[in-house]
């Protein structure tokens, strides 16, 4: 549980001053020292795939937002895996999905508490780097999940699926629903969210295919993973673009808020909505005809893989280098890809035919 009392002077310093200066004040190192040593920590060492998994580790989970149902599900998956592996789980994090300074503070808190590893979903690709490099300098293994930093700021990134698969398939789903013609918009989370931006880039790439020549992306709106703001952004899109045919929302908070608005409006069934959502959030909107189909991975599995990756790193089975493999319990064997990326697998499409088979 988060407690204000665990924030130390150094954590507060990092939240309100230059990240580089904060790291220097807390660690006695220069910015260049942190850069070089952090990069070494991210890629150094030699893997021993036969090393025994360590027990008694402490792994801290730092989601973008602690009261977000998606991250609650993901982190519970991590907690269950750590219990099975004989290690301890703890969660800290901000209550807002845009509190980047708060995330920096929590990284420093976990570092001061000398956890063995941390799993972090980054709100901003660069803002956490100095603090994460300091953590690695202190021997802490860093795994990012759901939303990445730059590769030199962590040991490995557990990706929901390939960014390209996610971006392209969301366009494909919507295109089928609007018969490959009309104006569309994207309702994203925060403008700085790395995962959202990468997916949107691939959406734009997919739209360059000649088969989408009659589809026009008119706007990318940002709801900041806030339900009320996402609801209002949906309303604003439809007022600004009265001929809008479809919306893609690659965020669980955004797609639910958009569905809520559409279901009670004259646009229900006329403006198509797809993106990334949870079956439990979207079930009623699928059944009442607001949404035809959407997709997602199992967030609990994502959290589980993040936890198992953290333990494998702490045990020396992997270092995060491309080509290394490790066994993730019943999830099977995983191979580390370029830049230390580990892909959970392809997304699942949910519709009226299969949605009742899932409960998350």
Protein backbone atom coordinates (compact mmCIF):
# COMPACT_ATOMS: atom_id res chain seq x y z
CA UNK A 1 0.00 0.00 0.00
CA UNK A 2 1.30 3.50 -0.80
CA UNK A 3 2.23 5.58 2.21
CA UNK A 4 3.46 9.15 2.09
CA UNK A 5 5.79 8.37 4.99
CA UNK A 6 8.02 6.18 2.87
CA UNK A 7 9.02 9.05 0.61
CA UNK A 8 12.49 10.11 1.64
CA UNK A 9 14.28 13.39 1.08
CA UNK A 10 16.04 12.04 -2.00
CA UNK A 11 12.75 10.95 -3.56
CA UNK A 12 11.25 14.36 -3.01
CA UNK A 13 14.35 15.96 -4.51
CA UNK A 14 14.04 13.88 -7.65
CA UNK A 15 10.39 14.87 -8.01
CA UNK A 16 10.99 18.60 -7.88
CA UNK A 17 14.47 19.17 -9.33
CA UNK A 18 16.43 18.23 -12.41
CA UNK A 19 16.63 14.47 -12.67
CA UNK A 20 20.35 14.59 -13.35
CA UNK A 21 21.01 16.83 -10.35
CA UNK A 22 18.80 14.66 -8.15
CA UNK A 23 20.72 11.55 -9.10
CA UNK A 24 23.99 13.34 -8.38
CA UNK A 25 22.80 14.57 -5.00
CA UNK A 26 21.58 11.13 -3.97
CA UNK A 27 24.31 8.96 -5.44
CA UNK A 28 27.40 11.16 -5.53
CA UNK A 29 27.80 10.57 -9.26
CA UNK A 30 27.81 12.78 -12.31
CA UNK A 31 25.23 12.62 -15.09
CA UNK A 32 27.80 10.97 -17.37
CA UNK A 33 28.68 8.40 -14.69
CA UNK A 34 25.03 7.42 -14.38
CA UNK A 35 24.63 7.24 -18.16
CA UNK A 36 27.64 4.98 -18.64
CA UNK A 37 27.08 2.76 -15.63
CA UNK A 38 23.35 2.47 -16.31
CA UNK A 39 23.97 1.41 -19.89
CA UNK A 40 26.49 -1.17 -18.68
CA UNK A 41 24.02 -2.51 -16.13
CA UNK A 42 21.35 -2.85 -18.80
CA UNK A 43 23.44 -5.10 -21.02
CA UNK A 44 26.38 -6.39 -18.99
CA UNK A 45 27.08 -9.78 -17.46
CA UNK A 46 26.81 -13.28 -18.86
CA UNK A 47 23.63 -15.33 -18.77
CA UNK A 48 23.52 -18.80 -17.24
CA UNK A 49 20.30 -20.42 -18.51
CA UNK A 50 20.82 -23.30 -16.09
CA UNK A 51 21.10 -21.11 -13.01
CA UNK A 52 18.66 -21.96 -10.25
CA UNK A 53 15.85 -19.47 -9.73
CA UNK A 54 16.44 -17.49 -6.56
CA UNK A 55 13.83 -17.39 -3.81
CA UNK A 56 13.22 -14.72 -1.22
CA UNK A 57 13.52 -11.85 -3.68
CA UNK A 58 11.52 -8.64 -3.41
CA UNK A 59 10.09 -7.26 -6.65
CA UNK A 60 8.43 -3.85 -6.70
CA UNK A 61 5.70 -3.13 -9.24
CA UNK A 62 5.28 0.49 -10.34
CA UNK A 63 2.30 0.88 -12.70
CA UNK A 64 1.34 4.09 -14.46
CA UNK A 65 -1.64 4.40 -12.13
CA UNK A 66 -2.46 2.32 -9.05
CA UNK A 67 -6.24 2.71 -9.19
CA UNK A 68 -6.54 1.71 -12.85
CA UNK A 69 -8.42 -1.63 -13.26
CA UNK A 70 -6.10 -2.68 -16.08
CA UNK A 71 -3.00 -2.33 -13.93
CA UNK A 72 -4.76 -3.91 -10.97
CA UNK A 73 -5.27 -7.01 -13.10
CA UNK A 74 -1.72 -6.93 -14.46
CA UNK A 75 -0.11 -6.49 -11.08
CA UNK A 76 -2.20 -9.23 -9.49
CA UNK A 77 -0.78 -11.53 -12.15
CA UNK A 78 2.70 -10.48 -11.08
CA UNK A 79 1.87 -10.96 -7.42
CA UNK A 80 0.56 -14.50 -8.00
CA UNK A 81 3.67 -15.45 -9.99
CA UNK A 82 6.02 -14.14 -7.31
CA UNK A 83 4.17 -16.04 -4.61
CA UNK A 84 4.52 -19.23 -6.66
CA UNK A 85 8.25 -18.53 -7.11
CA UNK A 86 8.82 -17.99 -3.39
CA UNK A 87 9.46 -14.25 -3.64
CA UNK A 88 7.73 -11.12 -2.34
CA UNK A 89 5.63 -8.56 -4.18
CA UNK A 90 5.05 -4.92 -3.39
CA UNK A 91 3.24 -2.20 -5.34
CA UNK A 92 3.75 1.56 -5.29
CA UNK A 93 2.67 4.22 -7.73
CA UNK A 94 0.81 7.44 -8.45
CA UNK A 95 -2.97 7.78 -8.49
CA UNK A 96 -2.80 9.83 -11.71
CA UNK A 97 -1.68 8.46 -15.08
CA UNK A 98 0.10 11.75 -15.83
CA UNK A 99 2.08 12.18 -12.59
CA UNK A 100 5.53 11.61 -14.09
CA UNK A 101 7.31 13.33 -11.20
CA UNK A 102 5.48 10.96 -8.86
CA UNK A 103 6.74 7.96 -10.81
CA UNK A 104 10.32 9.24 -10.50
CA UNK A 105 9.81 9.59 -6.76
CA UNK A 106 8.56 6.00 -6.49
CA UNK A 107 11.52 4.64 -8.47
CA UNK A 108 13.79 6.34 -5.95
CA UNK A 109 11.72 4.94 -3.08
CA UNK A 110 12.11 1.37 -4.38
CA UNK A 111 15.83 1.96 -4.87
CA UNK A 112 16.21 3.19 -1.30
CA UNK A 113 14.28 0.17 -0.04
CA UNK A 114 16.83 -2.03 -1.87
CA UNK A 115 14.36 -4.21 -3.74
CA UNK A 116 15.96 -6.90 -5.88
CA UNK A 117 14.04 -5.91 -9.01
CA UNK A 118 11.33 -3.54 -10.16
CA UNK A 119 8.71 -3.79 -12.90
CA UNK A 120 7.77 -0.36 -14.23
CA UNK A 121 5.16 0.87 -16.71
CA UNK A 122 6.61 4.20 -17.79
CA UNK A 123 4.40 7.27 -18.19
CA UNK A 124 7.12 9.04 -20.17
CA UNK A 125 9.93 7.44 -22.23
CA UNK A 126 12.74 9.64 -20.92
CA UNK A 127 11.69 11.10 -17.59
CA UNK A 128 12.43 7.97 -15.54
CA UNK A 129 15.77 7.16 -17.13
CA UNK A 130 18.14 8.82 -14.68
CA UNK A 131 16.37 7.28 -11.70
CA UNK A 132 16.20 3.83 -13.33
CA UNK A 133 19.89 3.93 -14.24
CA UNK A 134 20.65 4.77 -10.63
CA UNK A 135 18.62 1.74 -9.58
CA UNK A 136 20.57 -0.50 -11.96
CA UNK A 137 23.84 0.99 -10.68
CA UNK A 138 22.72 -0.20 -7.23
CA UNK A 139 22.29 -3.75 -8.56
CA UNK A 140 18.53 -3.66 -9.02
CA UNK A 141 17.15 -5.40 -12.11
CA UNK A 142 14.70 -3.23 -14.05
CA UNK A 143 11.91 -4.63 -16.20
CA UNK A 144 9.50 -2.36 -18.02
CA UNK A 145 6.07 -3.69 -18.95
CA UNK A 146 3.13 -2.26 -20.91
CA UNK A 147 4.97 1.04 -21.65
CA UNK A 148 8.71 1.23 -22.22
CA UNK A 149 11.59 3.59 -21.55
CA UNK A 150 14.62 3.80 -23.83
CA UNK A 151 16.53 0.48 -23.93
CA UNK A 152 19.53 1.71 -21.94
CA UNK A 153 17.31 2.53 -18.96
CA UNK A 154 16.20 -1.03 -18.19
CA UNK A 155 17.27 -4.66 -18.55
CA UNK A 156 14.25 -5.89 -20.51
CA UNK A 157 10.84 -4.75 -21.75
CA UNK A 158 7.84 -7.09 -21.59
CA UNK A 159 5.62 -6.03 -24.47
CA UNK A 160 1.90 -6.81 -24.67
CA UNK A 161 2.37 -7.94 -28.27
CA UNK A 162 4.46 -6.54 -31.06
CA UNK A 163 3.73 -2.84 -31.45
CA UNK A 164 3.30 -3.36 -35.15
CA UNK A 165 0.71 -6.11 -34.68
CA UNK A 166 -1.30 -3.97 -32.29
CA UNK A 167 -1.27 -0.82 -34.40
CA UNK A 168 -2.07 -2.53 -37.67
CA UNK A 169 -4.76 -4.90 -36.35
CA UNK A 170 -6.74 -2.08 -34.76
CA UNK A 171 -6.93 -0.35 -38.15
CA UNK A 172 -7.89 -3.63 -39.80
CA UNK A 173 -10.69 -4.22 -37.29
CA UNK A 174 -12.18 -0.76 -37.77
CA UNK A 175 -11.78 -0.78 -41.55
CA UNK A 176 -13.85 -3.94 -41.83
CA UNK A 177 -16.58 -2.39 -39.69
CA UNK A 178 -16.85 0.83 -41.76
CA UNK A 179 -16.51 -0.90 -45.15
CA UNK A 180 -13.14 0.71 -45.80
CA UNK A 181 -14.42 4.27 -46.21
CA UNK A 182 -15.03 7.38 -44.13
CA UNK A 183 -13.41 9.65 -41.56
CA UNK A 184 -11.90 8.09 -38.44
CA UNK A 185 -10.25 9.38 -35.27
CA UNK A 186 -8.03 8.01 -32.53
CA UNK A 187 -8.76 8.52 -28.82
CA UNK A 188 -5.44 7.94 -27.06
CA UNK A 189 -4.25 8.16 -23.46
CA UNK A 190 -1.58 10.72 -22.50
CA UNK A 191 0.24 12.50 -25.31
CA UNK A 192 3.57 11.28 -23.86
CA UNK A 193 2.57 7.61 -23.48
CA UNK A 194 5.24 5.66 -25.34
CA UNK A 195 3.17 2.59 -26.09
CA UNK A 196 0.23 4.62 -27.41
CA UNK A 197 2.45 6.71 -29.68
CA UNK A 198 4.23 3.71 -31.16
CA UNK A 199 0.91 1.98 -31.89
CA UNK A 200 -0.48 5.13 -33.48
CA UNK A 201 2.60 5.38 -35.71
CA UNK A 202 1.89 1.86 -36.96
CA UNK A 203 -1.78 2.74 -37.46
CA UNK A 204 -0.67 5.56 -39.74
CA UNK A 205 1.66 3.20 -41.58
CA UNK A 206 -1.14 0.69 -42.08
CA UNK A 207 -3.41 3.43 -43.43
CA UNK A 208 -0.90 4.10 -46.23
CA UNK A 209 -1.92 0.81 -47.84
CA UNK A 210 -3.97 1.55 -51.00
CA UNK A 211 -6.87 -0.51 -49.69
CA UNK A 212 -7.50 2.27 -47.15
CA UNK A 213 -7.51 5.05 -49.75
CA UNK A 214 -11.08 5.99 -48.82
CA UNK A 215 -10.35 6.21 -45.10
CA UNK A 216 -9.10 9.49 -43.63
CA UNK A 217 -7.62 9.89 -40.14
CA UNK A 218 -8.87 13.33 -39.12
CA UNK A 219 -7.60 13.65 -35.55
CA UNK A 220 -5.76 12.07 -32.63
CA UNK A 221 -7.39 13.15 -29.35
CA UNK A 222 -6.03 12.57 -25.83
CA UNK A 223 -8.09 11.54 -22.82
CA UNK A 224 -5.13 11.05 -20.46
CA UNK A 225 -6.54 7.70 -19.29
CA UNK A 226 -9.15 9.66 -17.37
CA UNK A 227 -12.72 8.41 -17.79
CA UNK A 228 -14.41 11.81 -17.67
CA UNK A 229 -11.93 13.49 -20.00
CA UNK A 230 -12.10 10.56 -22.45
CA UNK A 231 -15.90 10.76 -22.40
CA UNK A 232 -15.72 14.50 -23.15
CA UNK A 233 -13.12 13.97 -25.88
CA UNK A 234 -15.43 11.48 -27.58
CA UNK A 235 -18.27 13.99 -27.47
CA UNK A 236 -15.94 16.66 -28.85
CA UNK A 237 -14.79 14.48 -31.74
CA UNK A 238 -18.35 13.86 -32.85
CA UNK A 239 -19.23 17.55 -32.61
CA UNK A 240 -16.14 18.56 -34.58
CA UNK A 241 -16.51 15.80 -37.18
CA UNK A 242 -20.22 15.09 -37.70
CA UNK A 243 -19.42 12.64 -40.52
CA UNK A 244 -17.09 10.56 -38.38
CA UNK A 245 -17.48 6.84 -39.13
CA UNK A 246 -15.24 5.26 -36.54
CA UNK A 247 -12.98 5.68 -33.52
CA UNK A 248 -9.97 3.65 -32.42
CA UNK A 249 -9.11 3.91 -28.74
CA UNK A 250 -5.92 1.97 -27.86
CA UNK A 251 -6.49 2.38 -24.12
CA UNK A 252 -8.83 0.47 -21.82
CA UNK A 253 -10.02 3.62 -20.05
CA UNK A 254 -10.59 5.46 -23.32
CA UNK A 255 -12.52 2.76 -25.14
CA UNK A 256 -14.85 2.20 -22.18
CA UNK A 257 -15.56 5.94 -21.85
CA UNK A 258 -16.12 6.25 -25.60
CA UNK A 259 -18.49 3.26 -25.55
CA UNK A 260 -20.38 4.79 -22.64
CA UNK A 261 -20.91 8.00 -24.58
CA UNK A 262 -21.86 6.29 -27.84
CA UNK A 263 -24.29 3.89 -26.18
CA UNK A 264 -26.41 6.76 -24.89
CA UNK A 265 -26.25 8.88 -28.02
CA UNK A 266 -27.75 9.03 -31.50
CA UNK A 267 -24.43 7.67 -32.80
CA UNK A 268 -24.92 4.22 -31.28
CA UNK A 269 -24.43 1.60 -33.99
CA UNK A 270 -23.61 4.31 -36.55
CA UNK A 271 -20.15 5.35 -35.38
CA UNK A 272 -18.03 2.24 -34.98
CA UNK A 273 -15.67 1.87 -32.04
CA UNK A 274 -12.74 -0.50 -31.58
CA UNK A 275 -9.39 -0.53 -29.81
CA UNK A 276 -7.99 -2.12 -26.67
CA UNK A 277 -10.40 -3.01 -23.87
CA UNK A 278 -11.08 -5.61 -21.23
CA UNK A 279 -13.94 -8.09 -21.71
CA UNK A 280 -15.49 -7.19 -18.36
CA UNK A 281 -15.52 -3.47 -19.19
CA UNK A 282 -16.81 -3.94 -22.73
CA UNK A 283 -19.21 -6.87 -22.40
CA UNK A 284 -22.40 -4.82 -22.08
CA UNK A 285 -21.42 -2.58 -24.97
CA UNK A 286 -20.83 -5.58 -27.22
CA UNK A 287 -24.15 -7.09 -26.19
CA UNK A 288 -26.13 -3.87 -26.70
CA UNK A 289 -24.69 -3.28 -30.17
CA UNK A 290 -22.46 -0.30 -29.42
CA UNK A 291 -19.26 -2.23 -30.20
CA UNK A 292 -18.79 -5.04 -32.72
CA UNK A 293 -15.26 -6.17 -31.90
CA UNK A 294 -12.16 -5.02 -30.01
CA UNK A 295 -8.92 -6.63 -28.89
CA UNK A 296 -6.47 -6.97 -26.03
CA UNK A 297 -4.00 -9.32 -24.41
CA UNK A 298 -4.57 -10.80 -20.95
CA UNK A 299 -3.10 -8.16 -18.58
CA UNK A 300 -2.69 -10.72 -15.80
CA UNK A 301 -0.44 -12.73 -18.11
CA UNK A 302 1.51 -9.56 -18.92
CA UNK A 303 2.09 -8.94 -15.22
CA UNK A 304 3.01 -12.57 -14.69
CA UNK A 305 5.59 -12.47 -17.47
CA UNK A 306 7.04 -9.23 -16.08
CA UNK A 307 7.45 -10.89 -12.67
CA UNK A 308 8.99 -14.04 -14.11
CA UNK A 309 11.36 -11.96 -16.22
CA UNK A 310 12.43 -9.99 -13.15
CA UNK A 311 13.20 -13.20 -11.24
CA UNK A 312 15.06 -14.70 -14.22
CA UNK A 313 17.18 -11.55 -14.43
CA UNK A 314 17.86 -11.52 -10.68
CA UNK A 315 18.81 -15.20 -10.85
CA UNK A 316 21.25 -14.68 -13.72
CA UNK A 317 19.38 -16.89 -16.19
CA UNK A 318 19.18 -13.93 -18.57
CA UNK A 319 20.78 -10.50 -18.84
CA UNK A 320 18.43 -8.94 -21.38
CA UNK A 321 20.53 -9.56 -24.47
CA UNK A 322 18.94 -10.47 -27.79
CA UNK A 323 18.68 -14.22 -28.38
CA UNK A 324 18.65 -15.30 -24.73
CA UNK A 325 15.86 -17.69 -23.76
CA UNK A 326 14.21 -18.56 -20.46
CA UNK A 327 11.36 -20.68 -19.19
CA UNK A 328 8.47 -18.67 -17.76
CA UNK A 329 6.73 -21.44 -15.83
CA UNK A 330 3.53 -22.70 -17.46
CA UNK A 331 3.66 -19.78 -19.89
CA UNK A 332 6.38 -21.59 -21.81
CA UNK A 333 9.73 -20.50 -23.19
CA UNK A 334 10.42 -16.94 -24.28
CA UNK A 335 13.20 -15.51 -26.43
CA UNK A 336 14.51 -11.99 -25.93
CA UNK A 337 14.33 -9.92 -29.10
CA UNK A 338 16.09 -6.81 -30.32
CA UNK A 339 16.72 -4.12 -27.70
CA UNK A 340 15.74 -6.49 -24.90
CA UNK A 341 12.08 -6.77 -25.92
CA UNK A 342 10.05 -9.82 -24.87
CA UNK A 343 6.69 -10.14 -26.63
CA UNK A 344 3.80 -11.70 -24.72
CA UNK A 345 2.07 -12.82 -27.95
CA UNK A 346 -0.58 -11.80 -30.45
CA UNK A 347 -3.69 -9.94 -29.24
CA UNK A 348 -7.05 -11.64 -28.88
CA UNK A 349 -10.11 -10.27 -30.69
CA UNK A 350 -13.29 -10.20 -28.60
CA UNK A 351 -16.81 -10.10 -30.04
CA UNK A 352 -20.31 -11.35 -29.23
CA UNK A 353 -19.32 -14.92 -30.04
CA UNK A 354 -16.50 -15.30 -27.52
CA UNK A 355 -16.64 -12.48 -24.97
CA UNK A 356 -18.43 -14.56 -22.31
CA UNK A 357 -15.50 -16.98 -22.29
CA UNK A 358 -13.29 -14.39 -20.58
CA UNK A 359 -13.35 -12.83 -17.13
CA UNK A 360 -10.89 -10.00 -16.66
